[in-house]
Amino acid sequence: MKEIVLTKPECFDVRDAAQCRDLGENDVRVRVKRIGVCGTDIHAYYGRQPFFTYPRVLGHELGVEVIESASNDPRLKPGTLCAVEPYLNNSDSQASRRGRTNCCEDLNVLGVHIDGGMRPELVLPAHKLHTMESLNVDQLALVETLCIGAHAVERGRADGKDFCAVIGAGPIGLGCAAFARNHAGIVAVVDVQESRLAFCRDAMGIPHTVTLGRDSEPPLADRLREIFGGDLPSLIIDATGNARSMAGCFDLAANGGRIVFAGLFQGDVSFHDPTFHRKELSILATRNATAETFRSVMAAIDNGEIDPESWIGARIPFDEVPARFAKTVTTQGLIKAVIELP
């Protein structure tokens, strides 16, 4: 069996897969079937990912099949398909004891801090596997990326009174928009790529979009006021990972509003303190997701609230990843690529 290793920026290597550890109590051995390609993977490939070291086996958006289980969980029988919660937390940490497993002080994320799923098999704790019989393996592979967006909306406490602006329509921003649509009053999505905004309108049923980049356009605040009946957004979710965009949120937010930073970059965000205090803004970070979020996202897929399969625009056979990765992930208008294993 082979695994694919990112040995340094822009350099994949194929090698014999490392031996999986023996099953401990409540462990499950799984076969990797699908790997969603995330922005994290792309940033790592190009050497722009914080909290990352080389060499690394990428892959944390995973659809897997149970091979054998040492768990007493009756759902995890051989052949069961699962989504993977790839955040391996320390249950004794302060954050974990408070239920904040997603931001544990001693967190290891598959494919980021430790080797991930670009290999045929993994051994994982049973409680990090989530299954629902109605979901197929493609849907399961995209659960994790949707959870990032869903958790950002949870952090922002979106409700029906909110005017919500989602800035950035990459996969994470689209996930934020999908779940904001189900909770906020009106949602507008902002991006520089019209093709992504067309996807919001046509595939996601979000009619309000703003394309940035035209020299003659009115200021973004004016365009949002037009959508929101003269008001500014009470909730902004910035999924750009762009310092200028993130800093601009402080001027865009309504008084008493909330700003959620779903994207990150390697640097500092600065803001004008009098504006921050005058508006009494709340700033929130969002990181990963919890098991509860995984369950709610899978339920949303099951009941048809969101269709992740429509996001898949490219499929790469596992053994073709080194040759095709860069060209595929830079395809104009691509929402999501998926790596397929037998």
Protein backbone atom coordinates (compact mmCIF):
# COMPACT_ATOMS: atom_id res chain seq x y z
CA MET A 1 0.00 0.00 0.00
CA LYS A 2 1.22 3.50 -0.85
CA GLU A 3 0.78 6.88 0.79
CA ILE A 4 1.34 10.36 -0.65
CA VAL A 5 3.59 12.70 1.31
CA LEU A 6 4.03 16.44 0.90
CA THR A 7 7.78 16.60 1.54
CA LYS A 8 8.11 20.35 0.95
CA PRO A 9 6.09 23.05 -0.81
CA GLU A 10 4.96 21.92 -4.28
CA CYS A 11 6.55 18.48 -3.92
CA PHE A 12 4.60 15.26 -3.40
CA ASP A 13 6.37 11.93 -2.92
CA VAL A 14 4.84 8.46 -3.12
CA ARG A 15 6.16 5.94 -0.61
CA ASP A 16 5.19 2.72 1.13
CA ALA A 17 2.46 3.46 3.65
CA ALA A 18 3.44 3.48 7.30
CA GLN A 19 2.11 0.58 9.33
CA CYS A 20 -1.07 1.46 11.19
CA ARG A 21 -0.84 1.14 14.96
CA ASP A 22 -2.57 -1.76 16.65
CA LEU A 23 -6.15 -1.23 17.74
CA GLY A 24 -6.53 -0.09 21.30
CA GLU A 25 -9.71 -0.07 23.31
CA ASN A 26 -12.43 1.78 21.37
CA ASP A 27 -10.24 2.14 18.26
CA VAL A 28 -11.46 1.49 14.73
CA ARG A 29 -9.45 0.67 11.61
CA VAL A 30 -10.90 2.29 8.50
CA ARG A 31 -10.26 2.27 4.78
CA VAL A 32 -10.04 5.74 3.23
CA LYS A 33 -12.45 6.07 0.28
CA ARG A 34 -12.69 9.81 -0.41
CA ILE A 35 -10.57 12.84 0.48
CA GLY A 36 -11.90 16.33 0.06
CA VAL A 37 -9.24 18.85 -0.95
CA CYS A 38 -9.41 21.81 1.43
CA GLY A 39 -7.93 25.28 1.39
CA THR A 40 -5.66 24.08 4.16
CA ASP A 41 -4.23 21.44 1.82
CA ILE A 42 -3.75 23.99 -0.95
CA HIS A 43 -2.05 26.50 1.37
CA ALA A 44 0.20 23.73 2.68
CA TYR A 45 1.06 22.71 -0.88
CA TYR A 46 2.16 26.25 -1.68
CA GLY A 47 3.91 26.82 1.67
CA ARG A 48 1.38 29.28 3.11
CA GLN A 49 -0.28 27.25 5.89
CA PRO A 50 0.19 28.33 9.54
CA PHE A 51 0.79 25.63 12.19
CA PHE A 52 2.24 23.29 9.56
CA THR A 53 5.47 21.34 9.21
CA TYR A 54 6.93 19.13 6.46
CA PRO A 55 6.96 16.30 5.57
CA ARG A 56 3.25 15.62 6.04
CA VAL A 57 0.60 13.24 4.73
CA LEU A 58 -2.29 15.58 3.93
CA GLY A 59 -5.99 14.78 4.15
CA HIS A 60 -8.53 15.64 6.83
CA GLU A 61 -11.82 15.78 4.91
CA LEU A 62 -12.45 12.07 4.83
CA GLY A 63 -15.12 9.58 3.84
CA VAL A 64 -14.07 6.18 5.18
CA GLU A 65 -15.27 2.57 5.50
CA VAL A 66 -14.92 0.54 8.68
CA ILE A 67 -12.62 -2.49 8.37
CA GLU A 68 -12.55 -3.67 11.98
CA SER A 69 -13.51 -2.23 15.33
CA ALA A 70 -12.51 -2.67 18.96
CA SER A 71 -15.39 -0.42 19.98
CA ASN A 72 -18.66 -1.49 21.58
CA ASP A 73 -20.51 0.94 19.31
CA PRO A 74 -22.91 -1.30 17.33
CA ARG A 75 -23.02 1.18 14.43
CA LEU A 76 -19.35 0.71 13.58
CA LYS A 77 -19.50 -2.71 12.00
CA PRO A 78 -17.33 -3.65 9.00
CA GLY A 79 -18.56 -1.97 5.83
CA THR A 80 -20.08 1.04 7.59
CA LEU A 81 -19.36 4.36 5.88
CA CYS A 82 -18.38 7.29 8.11
CA ALA A 83 -17.33 10.91 8.15
CA VAL A 84 -14.23 11.63 10.20
CA GLU A 85 -13.96 14.31 12.87
CA PRO A 86 -10.22 14.87 12.38
CA TYR A 87 -9.52 16.89 15.53
CA LEU A 88 -7.73 14.62 18.00
CA ASN A 89 -8.05 16.44 21.30
CA ASN A 90 -6.76 15.76 24.79
CA SER A 91 -9.84 14.94 26.85
CA ASP A 92 -8.10 16.15 30.03
CA SER A 93 -7.35 19.64 28.70
CA GLN A 94 -9.16 22.64 30.11
CA ALA A 95 -10.90 23.43 26.82
CA SER A 96 -12.02 19.82 26.32
CA ARG A 97 -13.38 19.61 29.86
CA ARG A 98 -15.56 22.62 28.99
CA GLY A 99 -16.80 20.97 25.79
CA ARG A 100 -14.52 23.03 23.53
CA THR A 101 -12.84 20.02 21.96
CA ASN A 102 -12.36 21.94 18.72
CA CYS A 103 -9.83 24.34 20.26
CA CYS A 104 -8.13 22.06 22.76
CA GLU A 105 -4.73 23.30 23.97
CA ASP A 106 -3.19 19.97 22.90
CA LEU A 107 -4.99 19.50 19.58
CA ASN A 108 -3.66 17.38 16.74
CA VAL A 109 -5.49 17.78 13.44
CA LEU A 110 -5.12 14.98 10.91
CA GLY A 111 -3.24 16.13 7.85
CA VAL A 112 -1.99 19.29 9.57
CA HIS A 113 -0.22 18.52 12.84
CA ILE A 114 -0.03 14.76 12.30
CA ASP A 115 -0.25 12.60 9.20
CA GLY A 116 -3.69 12.42 7.64
CA GLY A 117 -5.70 10.48 5.11
CA MET A 118 -3.72 10.41 1.86
CA ARG A 119 -3.09 6.72 2.53
CA PRO A 120 -5.25 3.61 2.32
CA GLU A 121 -5.94 2.95 6.01
CA LEU A 122 -6.14 4.76 9.35
CA VAL A 123 -6.77 3.79 12.97
CA LEU A 124 -9.01 6.30 14.72
CA PRO A 125 -10.91 6.59 18.00
CA ALA A 126 -14.48 5.41 17.60
CA HIS A 127 -15.93 8.69 18.90
CA LYS A 128 -14.29 10.55 16.00
CA LEU A 129 -16.36 8.60 13.45
CA HIS A 130 -19.83 9.80 12.50
CA THR A 131 -22.20 7.70 10.46
CA MET A 132 -25.65 8.05 8.93
CA GLU A 133 -26.94 5.28 6.68
CA SER A 134 -28.63 7.63 4.23
CA LEU A 135 -25.41 9.47 3.30
CA ASN A 136 -23.05 8.26 0.59
CA VAL A 137 -19.27 8.40 0.72
CA ASP A 138 -19.00 11.63 -1.32
CA GLN A 139 -21.36 13.41 1.06
CA LEU A 140 -19.51 12.05 4.08
CA ALA A 141 -16.18 13.31 2.75
CA LEU A 142 -17.54 16.87 2.62
CA VAL A 143 -19.13 16.88 6.07
CA GLU A 144 -16.00 18.28 7.75
CA THR A 145 -15.70 21.30 5.47
CA LEU A 146 -19.40 22.06 5.96
CA CYS A 147 -18.90 21.81 9.71
CA ILE A 148 -16.36 24.63 9.58
CA GLY A 149 -18.99 26.92 8.10
CA ALA A 150 -21.73 25.67 10.40
CA HIS A 151 -19.56 26.28 13.47
CA ALA A 152 -18.77 29.82 12.29
CA VAL A 153 -22.50 30.50 12.12
CA GLU A 154 -22.92 28.98 15.58
CA ARG A 155 -20.18 31.25 16.90
CA GLY A 156 -21.95 34.26 15.38
CA ARG A 157 -25.26 33.29 17.02
CA ALA A 158 -27.13 34.00 13.80
CA ASP A 159 -30.88 34.48 14.16
CA GLY A 160 -33.81 35.58 12.07
CA LYS A 161 -33.28 39.26 12.90
CA ASP A 162 -29.76 39.33 11.49
CA PHE A 163 -28.61 40.83 8.25
CA CYS A 164 -25.58 38.65 7.53
CA ALA A 165 -22.74 39.36 5.09
CA VAL A 166 -20.44 36.45 4.24
CA ILE A 167 -17.23 37.78 2.71
CA GLY A 168 -15.32 35.21 0.68
CA ALA A 169 -17.02 32.47 -1.36
CA GLY A 170 -14.44 29.73 -1.25
CA PRO A 171 -15.59 26.36 0.15
CA ILE A 172 -15.46 27.61 3.76
CA GLY A 173 -17.34 30.79 2.92
CA LEU A 174 -19.93 28.82 0.97
CA GLY A 175 -20.43 26.60 4.01
CA CYS A 176 -20.87 29.70 6.16
CA ALA A 177 -23.40 31.07 3.67
CA ALA A 178 -25.32 27.79 3.49
CA PHE A 179 -25.92 27.65 7.22
CA ALA A 180 -26.37 31.40 7.64
CA ARG A 181 -29.14 31.12 5.03
CA ASN A 182 -30.94 28.71 7.35
CA HIS A 183 -30.66 30.94 10.44
CA ALA A 184 -30.22 34.63 9.54
CA GLY A 185 -32.89 36.92 8.16
CA ILE A 186 -31.14 38.00 4.94
CA VAL A 187 -27.76 36.77 3.70
CA ALA A 188 -25.50 38.45 1.17
CA VAL A 189 -22.31 36.84 -0.16
CA VAL A 190 -19.36 38.94 -1.29
CA ASP A 191 -16.50 37.74 -3.50
CA VAL A 192 -14.25 38.75 -6.38
CA GLN A 193 -15.17 35.72 -8.53
CA GLU A 194 -18.51 36.01 -10.27
CA SER A 195 -18.53 32.25 -10.98
CA ARG A 196 -18.63 31.49 -7.26
CA LEU A 197 -21.39 34.01 -6.70
CA ALA A 198 -23.35 32.47 -9.56
CA PHE A 199 -23.03 29.16 -7.72
CA CYS A 200 -24.52 30.83 -4.62
CA ARG A 201 -27.48 32.06 -6.62
CA ASP A 202 -28.08 29.05 -8.86
CA ALA A 203 -27.10 26.07 -6.70
CA MET A 204 -27.61 27.38 -3.18
CA GLY A 205 -30.62 29.63 -3.57
CA ILE A 206 -28.92 32.73 -2.15
CA PRO A 207 -30.07 35.61 -4.37
CA HIS A 208 -28.09 38.46 -2.83
CA THR A 209 -24.48 38.60 -4.02
CA VAL A 210 -21.89 41.34 -4.45
CA THR A 211 -19.01 41.10 -6.92
CA LEU A 212 -15.96 43.13 -5.92
CA GLY A 213 -13.28 44.43 -8.22
CA ARG A 214 -14.95 46.90 -10.58
CA ASP A 215 -13.27 50.33 -10.40
CA SER A 216 -16.53 52.24 -10.84
CA GLU A 217 -18.53 50.32 -8.25
CA PRO A 218 -20.05 52.02 -5.19
CA PRO A 219 -18.40 51.30 -1.83
CA LEU A 220 -19.18 47.89 -0.38
CA ALA A 221 -21.01 49.41 2.59
CA ASP A 222 -23.41 51.19 0.21
CA ARG A 223 -24.05 48.02 -1.76
CA LEU A 224 -24.80 46.09 1.43
CA ARG A 225 -27.13 48.83 2.66
CA GLU A 226 -29.04 48.49 -0.60
CA ILE A 227 -29.53 44.76 0.03
CA PHE A 228 -30.36 45.17 3.72
CA GLY A 229 -32.93 47.96 3.34
CA GLY A 230 -30.59 50.77 4.36
CA ASP A 231 -28.92 48.93 7.23
CA LEU A 232 -25.42 47.56 7.64
CA PRO A 233 -24.90 43.86 8.45
CA SER A 234 -25.42 42.92 12.09
CA LEU A 235 -23.34 39.79 11.49
CA ILE A 236 -20.26 39.58 9.27
CA ILE A 237 -18.46 36.30 8.64
CA ASP A 238 -15.14 36.89 6.90
CA ALA A 239 -13.79 33.74 5.27
CA THR A 240 -11.14 35.40 3.11
CA GLY A 241 -8.03 35.01 5.24
CA ASN A 242 -7.10 38.42 3.83
CA ALA A 243 -5.81 41.07 6.23
CA ARG A 244 -7.30 44.01 4.34
CA SER A 245 -10.72 42.39 4.11
CA MET A 246 -10.68 41.41 7.78
CA ALA A 247 -9.68 44.89 8.92
CA GLY A 248 -12.41 46.38 6.73
CA CYS A 249 -15.09 44.45 8.62
CA PHE A 250 -14.94 46.95 11.50
CA ASP A 251 -16.25 49.73 9.25
CA LEU A 252 -18.82 47.48 7.55
CA ALA A 253 -20.45 46.14 10.71
CA ALA A 254 -23.56 47.71 12.18
CA ASN A 255 -23.45 49.20 15.66
CA GLY A 256 -23.80 46.37 18.14
CA GLY A 257 -22.80 43.88 15.46
CA ARG A 258 -20.69 40.73 15.53
CA ILE A 259 -17.69 39.87 13.38
CA VAL A 260 -16.61 36.25 12.97
CA PHE A 261 -13.21 35.53 11.43
CA ALA A 262 -13.47 32.14 9.73
CA GLY A 263 -10.34 32.64 7.64
CA LEU A 264 -6.83 33.10 8.97
CA PHE A 265 -3.45 34.22 7.72
CA GLN A 266 0.08 34.48 9.05
CA GLY A 267 0.04 38.01 10.43
CA ASP A 268 -1.72 40.61 12.57
CA VAL A 269 -5.15 42.19 12.21
CA SER A 270 -5.36 45.82 13.35
CA PHE A 271 -8.40 48.01 13.83
CA HIS A 272 -9.33 51.55 14.85
CA ASP A 273 -10.10 51.28 18.53
CA PRO A 274 -12.55 54.23 18.77
CA THR A 275 -14.66 52.67 15.98
CA PHE A 276 -14.58 49.32 17.77
CA HIS A 277 -15.76 50.86 21.05
CA ARG A 278 -18.23 53.32 19.54
CA LYS A 279 -20.01 50.49 17.77
CA GLU A 280 -19.64 48.07 20.72
CA LEU A 281 -18.63 45.31 18.34
CA SER A 282 -18.04 41.67 19.22
CA ILE A 283 -15.12 39.92 17.52
CA LEU A 284 -15.12 36.14 17.40
CA ALA A 285 -12.68 33.58 16.12
CA THR A 286 -13.88 30.20 14.92
CA ARG A 287 -11.81 27.04 14.75
CA ASN A 288 -12.77 23.56 13.56
CA ALA A 289 -16.06 22.16 14.90
CA THR A 290 -17.49 19.90 17.59
CA ALA A 291 -19.09 16.47 17.46
CA GLU A 292 -22.47 18.13 17.94
CA THR A 293 -21.86 20.21 14.81
CA PHE A 294 -20.99 17.08 12.83
CA ARG A 295 -24.29 15.52 13.82
CA SER A 296 -26.28 18.64 12.92
CA VAL A 297 -24.57 18.99 9.52
CA MET A 298 -25.20 15.36 8.65
CA ALA A 299 -28.85 15.82 9.58
CA ALA A 300 -28.99 18.89 7.32
CA ILE A 301 -27.64 16.83 4.39
CA ASP A 302 -30.07 14.04 5.17
CA ASN A 303 -33.12 16.31 5.14
CA GLY A 304 -32.04 18.12 1.97
CA GLU A 305 -31.14 21.49 3.47
CA ILE A 306 -27.76 21.33 1.75
CA ASP A 307 -26.43 19.31 -1.19
CA PRO A 308 -22.63 18.94 -0.91
CA GLU A 309 -22.36 16.73 -4.00
CA SER A 310 -23.18 19.73 -6.18
CA TRP A 311 -19.97 21.32 -4.90
CA ILE A 312 -17.72 18.64 -6.44
CA GLY A 313 -16.22 19.96 -9.66
CA ALA A 314 -13.22 17.66 -10.07
CA ARG A 315 -12.23 14.13 -9.12
CA ILE A 316 -8.63 12.92 -8.92
CA PRO A 317 -7.73 9.22 -8.71
CA PHE A 318 -5.43 8.67 -5.74
CA ASP A 319 -2.43 7.56 -7.80
CA GLU A 320 -2.70 10.66 -10.02
CA VAL A 321 -2.49 13.19 -7.18
CA PRO A 322 1.20 14.11 -7.62
CA ALA A 323 0.74 14.81 -11.33
CA ARG A 324 -2.68 16.49 -11.25
CA PHE A 325 -3.01 18.26 -7.89
CA ALA A 326 -1.64 21.70 -8.80
CA LYS A 327 -3.46 21.98 -12.11
CA THR A 328 -6.74 20.79 -10.62
CA VAL A 329 -6.84 23.06 -7.56
CA THR A 330 -6.08 26.14 -9.66
CA THR A 331 -8.94 25.50 -12.10
CA GLN A 332 -10.97 28.69 -12.51
CA GLY A 333 -14.34 28.45 -10.79
CA LEU A 334 -13.63 25.17 -9.01
CA ILE A 335 -15.54 24.82 -5.75
CA LYS A 336 -14.32 21.45 -4.48
CA ALA A 337 -12.02 18.68 -5.69
CA VAL A 338 -12.26 15.14 -4.31
CA ILE A 339 -9.57 12.46 -4.33
CA GLU A 340 -10.91 8.96 -4.93
CA LEU A 341 -9.49 5.71 -3.58
CA PRO A 342 -10.75 2.24 -4.59
